[in-house]
Amino acid sequence: MDLVKAEAVDSNEKSLVILQSLICLLREKNILTRADIEELKEKVAERAAHDPFACRSDGVAAAVCEMQGLGDYLGRRYGGRHRRVS
């Protein structure tokens, strides 16, 4: 990819791809468990519910949706035990 095309891509998109890849790699190496992913998913959703910055609500909602999709993908791909609900 040449420099012009790389600069044209939104920095948020680049960050998202890097973070998704990192989460997938950590799950693949069994550093993160399915329970860890579920806990992260809940924390993102909780933050979205209590976000004091209403002006960023679209971004927060997109983050919740993205985390849900990533959690579902990792659950299907790697399986593992669900988090225990206490």
N, C-alpha and C. Protein backbone atom coordinates (compact mmCIF):
# COMPACT_ATOMS: atom_id res chain seq x y z
N MET A 1 0.86 -1.17 0.00
CA MET A 1 0.00 0.00 0.00
C MET A 1 0.90 1.23 0.00
N ASP A 2 0.63 2.15 -0.90
CA ASP A 2 1.47 3.32 -0.94
C ASP A 2 1.05 4.34 0.12
N LEU A 3 1.90 5.31 0.35
CA LEU A 3 1.71 6.28 1.42
C LEU A 3 0.44 7.11 1.25
N VAL A 4 0.10 7.46 0.02
CA VAL A 4 -1.08 8.28 -0.22
C VAL A 4 -2.34 7.53 0.19
N LYS A 5 -2.44 6.27 -0.17
CA LYS A 5 -3.62 5.48 0.20
C LYS A 5 -3.68 5.27 1.71
N ALA A 6 -2.53 5.04 2.33
CA ALA A 6 -2.49 4.82 3.78
C ALA A 6 -2.95 6.05 4.54
N GLU A 7 -2.61 7.23 4.06
CA GLU A 7 -3.02 8.46 4.73
C GLU A 7 -4.50 8.75 4.52
N ALA A 8 -5.07 8.26 3.42
CA ALA A 8 -6.48 8.50 3.12
C ALA A 8 -7.41 7.70 4.03
N VAL A 9 -6.92 6.61 4.57
CA VAL A 9 -7.74 5.78 5.46
C VAL A 9 -7.87 6.48 6.81
N ASP A 10 -9.08 6.51 7.33
CA ASP A 10 -9.37 7.13 8.60
C ASP A 10 -8.53 6.49 9.71
N SER A 11 -7.96 7.30 10.57
CA SER A 11 -7.13 6.77 11.65
C SER A 11 -7.93 5.91 12.62
N ASN A 12 -9.23 6.21 12.76
CA ASN A 12 -10.07 5.37 13.62
C ASN A 12 -10.21 3.97 13.05
N GLU A 13 -10.34 3.87 11.73
CA GLU A 13 -10.42 2.55 11.09
C GLU A 13 -9.14 1.77 11.31
N LYS A 14 -8.00 2.43 11.16
CA LYS A 14 -6.72 1.76 11.36
C LYS A 14 -6.60 1.26 12.79
N SER A 15 -6.99 2.10 13.74
CA SER A 15 -6.93 1.71 15.16
C SER A 15 -7.84 0.53 15.44
N LEU A 16 -9.02 0.55 14.85
CA LEU A 16 -9.97 -0.53 15.06
C LEU A 16 -9.43 -1.86 14.54
N VAL A 17 -8.83 -1.84 13.37
CA VAL A 17 -8.27 -3.06 12.79
C VAL A 17 -7.13 -3.58 13.66
N ILE A 18 -6.29 -2.70 14.16
CA ILE A 18 -5.18 -3.11 15.02
C ILE A 18 -5.70 -3.72 16.31
N LEU A 19 -6.69 -3.08 16.94
CA LEU A 19 -7.23 -3.60 18.20
C LEU A 19 -7.96 -4.92 18.00
N GLN A 20 -8.73 -5.04 16.91
CA GLN A 20 -9.41 -6.32 16.63
C GLN A 20 -8.38 -7.42 16.43
N SER A 21 -7.33 -7.13 15.70
CA SER A 21 -6.29 -8.12 15.44
C SER A 21 -5.59 -8.53 16.72
N LEU A 22 -5.34 -7.56 17.59
CA LEU A 22 -4.70 -7.85 18.87
C LEU A 22 -5.58 -8.73 19.74
N ILE A 23 -6.87 -8.41 19.83
CA ILE A 23 -7.79 -9.23 20.62
C ILE A 23 -7.85 -10.65 20.06
N CYS A 24 -7.93 -10.77 18.75
CA CYS A 24 -7.98 -12.10 18.12
C CYS A 24 -6.70 -12.88 18.40
N LEU A 25 -5.55 -12.22 18.30
CA LEU A 25 -4.28 -12.89 18.56
C LEU A 25 -4.18 -13.35 20.01
N LEU A 26 -4.60 -12.49 20.94
CA LEU A 26 -4.56 -12.87 22.35
C LEU A 26 -5.49 -14.03 22.65
N ARG A 27 -6.63 -14.07 21.98
CA ARG A 27 -7.56 -15.19 22.17
C ARG A 27 -6.99 -16.46 21.55
N GLU A 28 -6.38 -16.33 20.39
CA GLU A 28 -5.79 -17.48 19.70
C GLU A 28 -4.68 -18.11 20.54
N LYS A 29 -3.93 -17.27 21.25
CA LYS A 29 -2.83 -17.76 22.09
C LYS A 29 -3.31 -18.17 23.48
N ASN A 30 -4.61 -18.15 23.69
CA ASN A 30 -5.23 -18.48 24.98
C ASN A 30 -4.79 -17.57 26.12
N ILE A 31 -4.41 -16.35 25.78
CA ILE A 31 -4.10 -15.36 26.81
C ILE A 31 -5.40 -14.74 27.29
N LEU A 32 -6.33 -14.53 26.36
CA LEU A 32 -7.69 -14.10 26.71
C LEU A 32 -8.61 -15.31 26.61
N THR A 33 -9.50 -15.45 27.57
CA THR A 33 -10.47 -16.53 27.51
C THR A 33 -11.79 -15.99 26.96
N ARG A 34 -12.70 -16.89 26.69
CA ARG A 34 -14.02 -16.46 26.25
C ARG A 34 -14.69 -15.62 27.33
N ALA A 35 -14.45 -16.01 28.57
CA ALA A 35 -15.00 -15.25 29.70
C ALA A 35 -14.44 -13.83 29.72
N ASP A 36 -13.15 -13.67 29.41
CA ASP A 36 -12.55 -12.34 29.35
C ASP A 36 -13.21 -11.48 28.27
N ILE A 37 -13.46 -12.09 27.12
CA ILE A 37 -14.10 -11.38 26.02
C ILE A 37 -15.51 -10.96 26.43
N GLU A 38 -16.24 -11.85 27.09
CA GLU A 38 -17.59 -11.52 27.54
C GLU A 38 -17.56 -10.39 28.57
N GLU A 39 -16.57 -10.41 29.45
CA GLU A 39 -16.45 -9.34 30.44
C GLU A 39 -16.14 -8.00 29.76
N LEU A 40 -15.26 -8.02 28.77
CA LEU A 40 -14.94 -6.81 28.02
C LEU A 40 -16.17 -6.28 27.29
N LYS A 41 -16.94 -7.20 26.71
CA LYS A 41 -18.17 -6.82 26.02
C LYS A 41 -19.13 -6.12 26.99
N GLU A 42 -19.26 -6.65 28.19
CA GLU A 42 -20.14 -6.04 29.19
C GLU A 42 -19.64 -4.67 29.63
N LYS A 43 -18.32 -4.52 29.78
CA LYS A 43 -17.76 -3.23 30.18
C LYS A 43 -18.00 -2.17 29.11
N VAL A 44 -17.87 -2.55 27.86
CA VAL A 44 -18.13 -1.60 26.77
C VAL A 44 -19.60 -1.19 26.78
N ALA A 45 -20.48 -2.16 26.96
CA ALA A 45 -21.92 -1.86 27.00
C ALA A 45 -22.27 -0.99 28.20
N GLU A 46 -21.65 -1.27 29.34
CA GLU A 46 -21.90 -0.48 30.55
C GLU A 46 -21.43 0.96 30.36
N ARG A 47 -20.27 1.11 29.75
CA ARG A 47 -19.77 2.46 29.49
C ARG A 47 -20.71 3.21 28.55
N ALA A 48 -21.23 2.49 27.58
CA ALA A 48 -22.16 3.12 26.64
C ALA A 48 -23.43 3.58 27.34
N ALA A 49 -23.88 2.80 28.30
CA ALA A 49 -25.11 3.14 29.02
C ALA A 49 -24.93 4.36 29.92
N HIS A 50 -23.71 4.57 30.38
CA HIS A 50 -23.46 5.66 31.32
C HIS A 50 -22.52 6.72 30.75
N ASP A 51 -22.49 6.85 29.43
CA ASP A 51 -21.59 7.80 28.78
C ASP A 51 -22.06 9.23 29.04
N PRO A 52 -21.23 10.02 29.70
CA PRO A 52 -21.62 11.40 29.99
C PRO A 52 -21.54 12.32 28.76
N PHE A 53 -20.91 11.85 27.71
CA PHE A 53 -20.75 12.66 26.51
C PHE A 53 -21.77 12.25 25.47
N ALA A 54 -22.95 12.79 25.56
CA ALA A 54 -24.04 12.42 24.65
C ALA A 54 -23.69 12.73 23.21
N CYS A 55 -22.80 13.69 22.99
CA CYS A 55 -22.44 14.06 21.62
C CYS A 55 -21.69 12.93 20.91
N ARG A 56 -21.15 12.00 21.67
CA ARG A 56 -20.42 10.88 21.07
C ARG A 56 -21.24 9.60 21.09
N SER A 57 -22.54 9.70 21.21
CA SER A 57 -23.38 8.52 21.36
C SER A 57 -23.32 7.59 20.15
N ASP A 58 -23.15 8.14 18.94
CA ASP A 58 -23.05 7.29 17.75
C ASP A 58 -21.80 6.42 17.82
N GLY A 59 -20.70 7.00 18.24
CA GLY A 59 -19.46 6.25 18.36
C GLY A 59 -19.52 5.18 19.43
N VAL A 60 -20.16 5.50 20.53
CA VAL A 60 -20.30 4.54 21.63
C VAL A 60 -21.19 3.38 21.20
N ALA A 61 -22.29 3.70 20.53
CA ALA A 61 -23.19 2.64 20.04
C ALA A 61 -22.48 1.75 19.02
N ALA A 62 -21.66 2.35 18.18
CA ALA A 62 -20.90 1.57 17.20
C ALA A 62 -19.89 0.67 17.90
N ALA A 63 -19.29 1.16 18.99
CA ALA A 63 -18.33 0.35 19.74
C ALA A 63 -19.01 -0.87 20.36
N VAL A 64 -20.19 -0.67 20.91
CA VAL A 64 -20.95 -1.78 21.50
C VAL A 64 -21.27 -2.82 20.43
N CYS A 65 -21.73 -2.36 19.29
CA CYS A 65 -22.07 -3.26 18.18
C CYS A 65 -20.83 -4.01 17.69
N GLU A 66 -19.73 -3.30 17.57
CA GLU A 66 -18.48 -3.91 17.10
C GLU A 66 -17.98 -4.96 18.09
N MET A 67 -18.06 -4.66 19.38
CA MET A 67 -17.61 -5.60 20.40
C MET A 67 -18.50 -6.84 20.43
N GLN A 68 -19.79 -6.65 20.22
CA GLN A 68 -20.72 -7.78 20.15
C GLN A 68 -20.35 -8.70 19.00
N GLY A 69 -20.10 -8.10 17.84
CA GLY A 69 -19.73 -8.89 16.67
C GLY A 69 -18.41 -9.62 16.85
N LEU A 70 -17.44 -8.94 17.45
CA LEU A 70 -16.14 -9.55 17.68
C LEU A 70 -16.25 -10.69 18.68
N GLY A 71 -17.03 -10.48 19.74
CA GLY A 71 -17.24 -11.53 20.73
C GLY A 71 -17.91 -12.75 20.13
N ASP A 72 -18.91 -12.52 19.30
CA ASP A 72 -19.60 -13.64 18.64
C ASP A 72 -18.66 -14.39 17.71
N TYR A 73 -17.86 -13.66 16.95
CA TYR A 73 -16.90 -14.28 16.03
C TYR A 73 -15.89 -15.14 16.80
N LEU A 74 -15.32 -14.58 17.86
CA LEU A 74 -14.32 -15.32 18.62
C LEU A 74 -14.94 -16.53 19.31
N GLY A 75 -16.18 -16.41 19.77
CA GLY A 75 -16.85 -17.54 20.39
C GLY A 75 -17.05 -18.69 19.41
N ARG A 76 -17.44 -18.36 18.17
CA ARG A 76 -17.61 -19.40 17.16
C ARG A 76 -16.28 -19.99 16.73
N ARG A 77 -15.27 -19.16 16.61
CA ARG A 77 -13.99 -19.61 16.09
C ARG A 77 -13.20 -20.43 17.11
N TYR A 78 -13.14 -19.96 18.35
CA TYR A 78 -12.29 -20.60 19.35
C TYR A 78 -13.05 -21.30 20.46
N GLY A 79 -14.34 -21.06 20.57
CA GLY A 79 -15.11 -21.73 21.61
C GLY A 79 -14.67 -21.29 23.00
N GLY A 80 -14.73 -22.21 23.93
CA GLY A 80 -14.34 -21.90 25.30
C GLY A 80 -15.54 -21.79 26.20
N ARG A 81 -15.26 -21.72 27.47
CA ARG A 81 -16.32 -21.64 28.46
C ARG A 81 -16.80 -20.20 28.62
N HIS A 82 -18.12 -20.10 28.84
CA HIS A 82 -18.71 -18.81 29.09
C HIS A 82 -18.36 -18.38 30.52
N ARG A 83 -18.46 -17.10 30.74
CA ARG A 83 -18.21 -16.55 32.06
C ARG A 83 -19.31 -17.02 33.00
N ARG A 84 -18.91 -17.31 34.22
CA ARG A 84 -19.89 -17.71 35.23
C ARG A 84 -20.63 -16.48 35.72
N VAL A 85 -21.92 -16.59 35.76
CA VAL A 85 -22.75 -15.49 36.25
C VAL A 85 -23.03 -15.75 37.71
N SER A 86 -22.66 -14.76 38.53
CA SER A 86 -22.86 -14.96 39.97
C SER A 86 -24.06 -14.23 40.48
